[in-house]
Amino acid sequence: MSSMAISPPRAAAKNQVLLATAFASSAVIMLMFGMLSIWLRFRDASSLRKSSDGVKMIHDWLPADIGIPGVATNTILITLVMACVIAQWGVYAARRADAAHAYLALGIVVVLGIAAINAQVAVYVQMGIGIGDGAYQAMFYAITGTMTALLISGVAFSFVALFRALGGRLHDHQVMSAHAMYWYAITAAFVSMWFVVYVQK
């Protein structure tokens, strides 16, 4: 009876990057939902006043002299949805070793992220409010400023993924998948903020 060599079991694939990004993405969602719950609490605690048509009572939370630019805020929303689609395209290209399209996808996500940050700055400029002007203004800058910081972190992640790909690490699909996951989380956080802060006010 001949002895057969038994090969050692294969090591399980390590998914540290995906796991860490999943934790970070969960933290992003929890942070934004927590801040929005405080926003809603402040809004519900505000005094009531009659609407302009005198039909219903509304919370006097948003000062009457402050207008939210809908075009800029909607532009951010559309831009982030596009970033998610392009980031997923990058994952698709990387899994097929299509370096040119993977580089292009990451570059476009960087540009879209910067465009979203620029649009948020445009919102600040058009609204022209100060952080110390009142409770609404302070909460507005706290939430939107946090969202802007998240967008900056997303752009930084895109740069890291792009430089790794250009350095010959395109075969590391974990980073590309984690990159797309993080942009999904940022977009989900923005959609919730957009609805509560920019739409419902």
Protein backbone atom coordinates (compact mmCIF):
# COMPACT_ATOMS: atom_id res chain seq x y z
CA MET A 1 0.00 0.00 0.00
CA SER A 2 1.62 3.20 -1.16
CA SER A 3 1.53 6.22 1.04
CA MET A 4 -0.01 9.33 -0.45
CA ALA A 5 1.26 12.77 0.46
CA ILE A 6 -1.45 14.86 2.02
CA SER A 7 -1.25 18.50 1.12
CA PRO A 8 -1.89 21.01 3.90
CA PRO A 9 -5.21 22.81 3.84
CA ARG A 10 -5.27 25.99 1.85
CA ALA A 11 -5.25 29.18 3.89
CA ALA A 12 -8.51 31.02 3.86
CA ALA A 13 -8.53 34.18 1.82
CA LYS A 14 -7.81 37.21 3.95
CA ASN A 15 -10.34 39.97 3.67
CA GLN A 16 -8.95 42.51 6.11
CA VAL A 17 -9.44 45.44 3.76
CA LEU A 18 -13.07 44.56 3.03
CA LEU A 19 -13.78 43.91 6.69
CA ALA A 20 -12.20 47.19 7.80
CA THR A 21 -14.10 49.08 5.13
CA ALA A 22 -17.35 47.41 6.17
CA PHE A 23 -16.77 48.59 9.75
CA ALA A 24 -15.90 52.09 8.54
CA SER A 25 -18.97 52.16 6.30
CA SER A 26 -21.18 51.09 9.21
CA ALA A 27 -19.64 53.83 11.33
CA VAL A 28 -20.38 56.38 8.59
CA ILE A 29 -24.05 55.37 8.45
CA MET A 30 -24.40 55.32 12.24
CA LEU A 31 -22.74 58.72 12.58
CA MET A 32 -24.99 60.36 10.01
CA PHE A 33 -28.17 58.75 11.34
CA GLY A 34 -27.23 59.82 14.86
CA MET A 35 -26.69 63.42 13.78
CA LEU A 36 -29.94 63.42 11.82
CA SER A 37 -31.84 62.14 14.85
CA ILE A 38 -30.50 65.11 16.83
CA TRP A 39 -31.54 67.40 13.96
CA LEU A 40 -35.08 66.00 14.00
CA ARG A 41 -35.23 66.35 17.78
CA PHE A 42 -34.24 70.02 17.56
CA ARG A 43 -36.73 70.60 14.76
CA ASP A 44 -39.60 68.94 16.63
CA ALA A 45 -38.80 70.98 19.75
CA SER A 46 -39.06 74.28 17.86
CA SER A 47 -42.12 76.49 18.20
CA LEU A 48 -45.05 76.28 15.78
CA ARG A 49 -46.21 78.94 13.36
CA LYS A 50 -48.82 79.18 10.64
CA SER A 51 -47.77 78.40 7.12
CA SER A 52 -47.77 81.16 4.52
CA ASP A 53 -51.22 80.08 3.29
CA GLY A 54 -52.53 79.99 6.86
CA VAL A 55 -53.90 76.47 6.46
CA LYS A 56 -51.55 74.42 8.65
CA MET A 57 -49.11 74.79 11.51
CA ILE A 58 -45.43 74.16 10.81
CA HIS A 59 -42.32 74.08 12.96
CA ASP A 60 -40.48 77.39 13.04
CA TRP A 61 -37.10 75.69 12.63
CA LEU A 62 -35.77 77.03 9.34
CA PRO A 63 -35.40 80.85 9.57
CA ALA A 64 -37.62 82.59 7.04
CA ASP A 65 -34.71 84.50 5.47
CA ILE A 66 -32.70 81.35 4.67
CA GLY A 67 -33.15 79.61 1.34
CA ILE A 68 -31.60 76.27 0.42
CA PRO A 69 -30.33 76.14 -3.19
CA GLY A 70 -32.07 73.12 -4.64
CA VAL A 71 -30.01 72.91 -7.83
CA ALA A 72 -26.69 72.57 -6.01
CA THR A 73 -27.98 70.04 -3.50
CA ASN A 74 -29.62 67.92 -6.18
CA THR A 75 -26.40 68.10 -8.20
CA ILE A 76 -24.50 66.56 -5.29
CA LEU A 77 -27.03 63.73 -5.10
CA ILE A 78 -26.78 62.95 -8.82
CA THR A 79 -22.98 63.20 -8.72
CA LEU A 80 -22.69 60.69 -5.87
CA VAL A 81 -25.01 58.20 -7.56
CA MET A 82 -22.81 58.45 -10.65
CA ALA A 83 -19.71 57.91 -8.48
CA CYS A 84 -21.19 54.66 -7.16
CA VAL A 85 -21.88 53.40 -10.69
CA ILE A 86 -18.37 54.29 -11.86
CA ALA A 87 -16.76 52.76 -8.76
CA GLN A 88 -18.58 49.50 -9.47
CA TRP A 89 -17.39 49.70 -13.06
CA GLY A 90 -13.86 49.88 -11.64
CA VAL A 91 -14.47 46.64 -9.74
CA TYR A 92 -15.79 45.02 -12.92
CA ALA A 93 -12.72 46.14 -14.89
CA ALA A 94 -10.26 45.01 -12.20
CA ARG A 95 -11.77 41.53 -12.03
CA ARG A 96 -11.19 41.21 -15.77
CA ALA A 97 -7.65 42.62 -15.57
CA ASP A 98 -8.75 45.56 -17.71
CA ALA A 99 -6.21 48.04 -16.39
CA ALA A 100 -7.08 50.93 -18.70
CA HIS A 101 -10.74 50.99 -17.71
CA ALA A 102 -9.93 50.44 -14.04
CA TYR A 103 -7.60 53.47 -14.05
CA LEU A 104 -10.22 55.49 -15.90
CA ALA A 105 -12.95 54.52 -13.45
CA LEU A 106 -10.89 55.49 -10.42
CA GLY A 107 -9.91 58.79 -12.04
CA ILE A 108 -13.53 59.62 -12.79
CA VAL A 109 -14.56 58.82 -9.19
CA VAL A 110 -11.88 61.25 -7.97
CA VAL A 111 -13.24 63.97 -10.27
CA LEU A 112 -16.85 63.28 -9.23
CA GLY A 113 -15.91 63.38 -5.55
CA ILE A 114 -14.17 66.73 -5.98
CA ALA A 115 -17.20 68.00 -7.93
CA ALA A 116 -19.51 67.00 -5.06
CA ILE A 117 -17.31 68.83 -2.55
CA ASN A 118 -17.29 71.89 -4.81
CA ALA A 119 -21.09 71.81 -5.03
CA GLN A 120 -21.35 71.66 -1.23
CA VAL A 121 -19.09 74.70 -0.97
CA ALA A 122 -21.40 76.42 -3.47
CA VAL A 123 -24.33 75.65 -1.13
CA TYR A 124 -22.50 77.40 1.71
CA VAL A 125 -21.71 80.42 -0.45
CA GLN A 126 -25.25 80.76 -1.79
CA MET A 127 -26.87 80.40 1.63
CA GLY A 128 -24.53 82.95 3.20
CA ILE A 129 -25.17 81.98 6.82
CA GLY A 130 -22.79 82.02 9.79
CA ILE A 131 -22.20 79.09 12.09
CA GLY A 132 -22.96 81.21 15.15
CA ASP A 133 -26.14 82.82 13.82
CA GLY A 134 -28.48 80.41 15.64
CA ALA A 135 -29.31 76.81 16.51
CA TYR A 136 -30.35 75.95 12.96
CA GLN A 137 -27.16 77.35 11.49
CA ALA A 138 -24.95 75.52 13.99
CA MET A 139 -26.68 72.20 13.35
CA PHE A 140 -26.63 72.78 9.60
CA TYR A 141 -22.87 73.29 9.54
CA ALA A 142 -22.29 70.37 11.93
CA ILE A 143 -24.15 67.89 9.72
CA THR A 144 -23.11 69.18 6.30
CA GLY A 145 -19.54 69.73 7.50
CA THR A 146 -19.37 66.11 8.65
CA MET A 147 -20.71 65.04 5.27
CA THR A 148 -18.08 67.14 3.51
CA ALA A 149 -15.36 65.47 5.61
CA LEU A 150 -16.73 62.08 4.55
CA LEU A 151 -16.58 63.15 0.91
CA ILE A 152 -12.96 64.21 1.37
CA SER A 153 -12.15 60.81 2.91
CA GLY A 154 -13.82 59.13 -0.07
CA VAL A 155 -11.68 61.11 -2.52
CA ALA A 156 -8.58 60.17 -0.48
CA PHE A 157 -9.58 56.48 -0.69
CA SER A 158 -9.98 56.85 -4.47
CA PHE A 159 -6.48 58.33 -4.74
CA VAL A 160 -5.03 55.46 -2.71
CA ALA A 161 -6.81 52.87 -4.86
CA LEU A 162 -5.65 54.65 -8.02
CA PHE A 163 -2.01 54.81 -6.93
CA ARG A 164 -2.08 51.13 -5.91
CA ALA A 165 -3.52 50.20 -9.30
CA LEU A 166 -0.92 52.27 -11.13
CA GLY A 167 1.76 50.61 -8.99
CA GLY A 168 0.84 47.18 -10.30
CA ARG A 169 -1.57 46.09 -7.56
CA LEU A 170 -4.66 45.97 -9.76
CA HIS A 171 -4.94 42.23 -9.13
CA ASP A 172 -5.82 43.03 -5.49
CA HIS A 173 -9.58 43.05 -6.00
CA GLN A 174 -10.24 43.63 -2.30
CA VAL A 175 -9.18 47.26 -2.50
CA MET A 176 -11.37 47.96 -5.52
CA SER A 177 -14.38 46.27 -3.90
CA ALA A 178 -13.75 48.08 -0.61
CA HIS A 179 -13.46 51.36 -2.50
CA ALA A 180 -16.85 50.83 -4.13
CA MET A 181 -18.39 49.80 -0.79
CA TYR A 182 -17.18 52.99 0.89
CA TRP A 183 -18.69 55.16 -1.82
CA TYR A 184 -21.99 53.29 -1.42
CA ALA A 185 -21.91 54.14 2.29
CA ILE A 186 -21.09 57.80 1.65
CA THR A 187 -23.90 58.04 -0.88
CA ALA A 188 -26.39 56.38 1.50
CA ALA A 189 -25.37 58.84 4.22
CA PHE A 190 -25.80 61.78 1.85
CA VAL A 191 -29.20 60.59 0.59
CA SER A 192 -30.50 60.47 4.17
CA MET A 193 -29.05 63.91 4.90
CA TRP A 194 -30.36 65.31 1.62
CA PHE A 195 -33.91 64.18 2.41
CA VAL A 196 -33.98 65.42 6.01
CA VAL A 197 -31.91 68.61 5.78
CA TYR A 198 -32.37 69.77 2.20
CA VAL A 199 -35.84 68.47 1.30
CA GLN A 200 -37.82 68.34 4.54
CA LYS A 201 -35.81 71.18 6.02
